Amino acid sequence: MAAAVCNALAAARGLHVKASSAGLFAREGAPASSEALSVLAEKGIRLKHSARKLTPELIETADILIP
């Protein structure tokens, strides 16, 4: 959800950034909750989401990590 908001704000400002998210205990492939989708929709943000676990490869390719 935070990544979707960040990406929407960046796009609205013409910034070329891409936020993504991963979790330590994520259930791989799980969809976003209906509540999260509803809140984002109220703000005009569409979210196509599938949960993924944080991996060493994701860490290696990230420019910045925000816990």
Protein backbone atom coordinates (compact mmCIF):
# COMPACT_ATOMS: atom_id res chain seq x y z
CA MET A 1 0.00 0.00 0.00
CA ALA A 2 2.81 2.43 0.87
CA ALA A 3 4.59 1.62 -2.38
CA ALA A 4 1.40 2.30 -4.36
CA VAL A 5 0.95 5.69 -2.67
CA CYS A 6 4.62 6.56 -3.22
CA ASN A 7 4.43 5.61 -6.89
CA ALA A 8 1.23 7.62 -7.41
CA LEU A 9 2.71 10.71 -5.75
CA ALA A 10 5.96 10.38 -7.73
CA ALA A 11 4.09 9.99 -11.03
CA ALA A 12 1.93 13.03 -10.27
CA ARG A 13 5.11 15.05 -9.79
CA GLY A 14 6.86 13.68 -12.87
CA LEU A 15 9.50 11.86 -10.84
CA HIS A 16 11.10 8.74 -12.30
CA VAL A 17 11.13 6.48 -9.26
CA LYS A 18 9.66 3.07 -8.58
CA ALA A 19 8.81 1.90 -5.09
CA SER A 20 8.15 -1.75 -4.40
CA SER A 21 7.51 -3.75 -1.27
CA ALA A 22 8.33 -7.10 0.23
CA GLY A 23 7.85 -8.56 3.68
CA LEU A 24 9.74 -10.73 6.09
CA PHE A 25 6.70 -12.91 6.77
CA ALA A 26 4.76 -12.34 3.55
CA ARG A 27 2.57 -15.13 2.25
CA GLU A 28 3.96 -15.36 -1.28
CA GLY A 29 1.34 -14.45 -3.88
CA ALA A 30 -1.29 -13.24 -1.40
CA PRO A 31 -3.50 -10.43 -2.70
CA ALA A 32 -3.92 -7.07 -1.00
CA SER A 33 -6.76 -6.91 1.50
CA SER A 34 -10.11 -5.61 0.32
CA GLU A 35 -9.80 -2.83 2.93
CA ALA A 36 -6.47 -1.66 1.50
CA LEU A 37 -7.86 -1.72 -2.03
CA SER A 38 -10.90 0.26 -0.91
CA VAL A 39 -8.84 2.97 0.79
CA LEU A 40 -6.56 3.30 -2.23
CA ALA A 41 -9.54 3.42 -4.60
CA GLU A 42 -10.98 6.31 -2.57
CA LYS A 43 -7.74 8.17 -3.33
CA GLY A 44 -7.87 7.25 -7.02
CA ILE A 45 -4.98 4.78 -6.76
CA ARG A 46 -5.26 1.39 -8.43
CA LEU A 47 -3.19 -1.40 -6.93
CA LYS A 48 -2.20 -4.59 -8.67
CA HIS A 49 -0.55 -6.48 -5.83
CA SER A 50 0.86 -9.86 -5.04
CA ALA A 51 2.77 -10.35 -1.79
CA ARG A 52 6.38 -11.42 -1.93
CA LYS A 53 9.07 -12.21 0.59
CA LEU A 54 12.13 -10.06 1.04
CA THR A 55 15.10 -11.85 -0.51
CA PRO A 56 18.82 -11.15 -0.71
CA GLU A 57 18.35 -10.49 -4.44
CA LEU A 58 15.76 -7.76 -3.78
CA ILE A 59 18.08 -6.18 -1.23
CA GLU A 60 21.00 -6.27 -3.68
CA THR A 61 19.05 -4.46 -6.41
CA ALA A 62 17.47 -1.80 -4.18
CA ASP A 63 18.84 1.73 -4.11
CA ILE A 64 17.34 2.31 -0.67
CA LEU A 65 15.56 0.16 1.92
CA ILE A 66 13.01 1.63 4.29
CA PRO A 67 12.10 -0.68 7.19
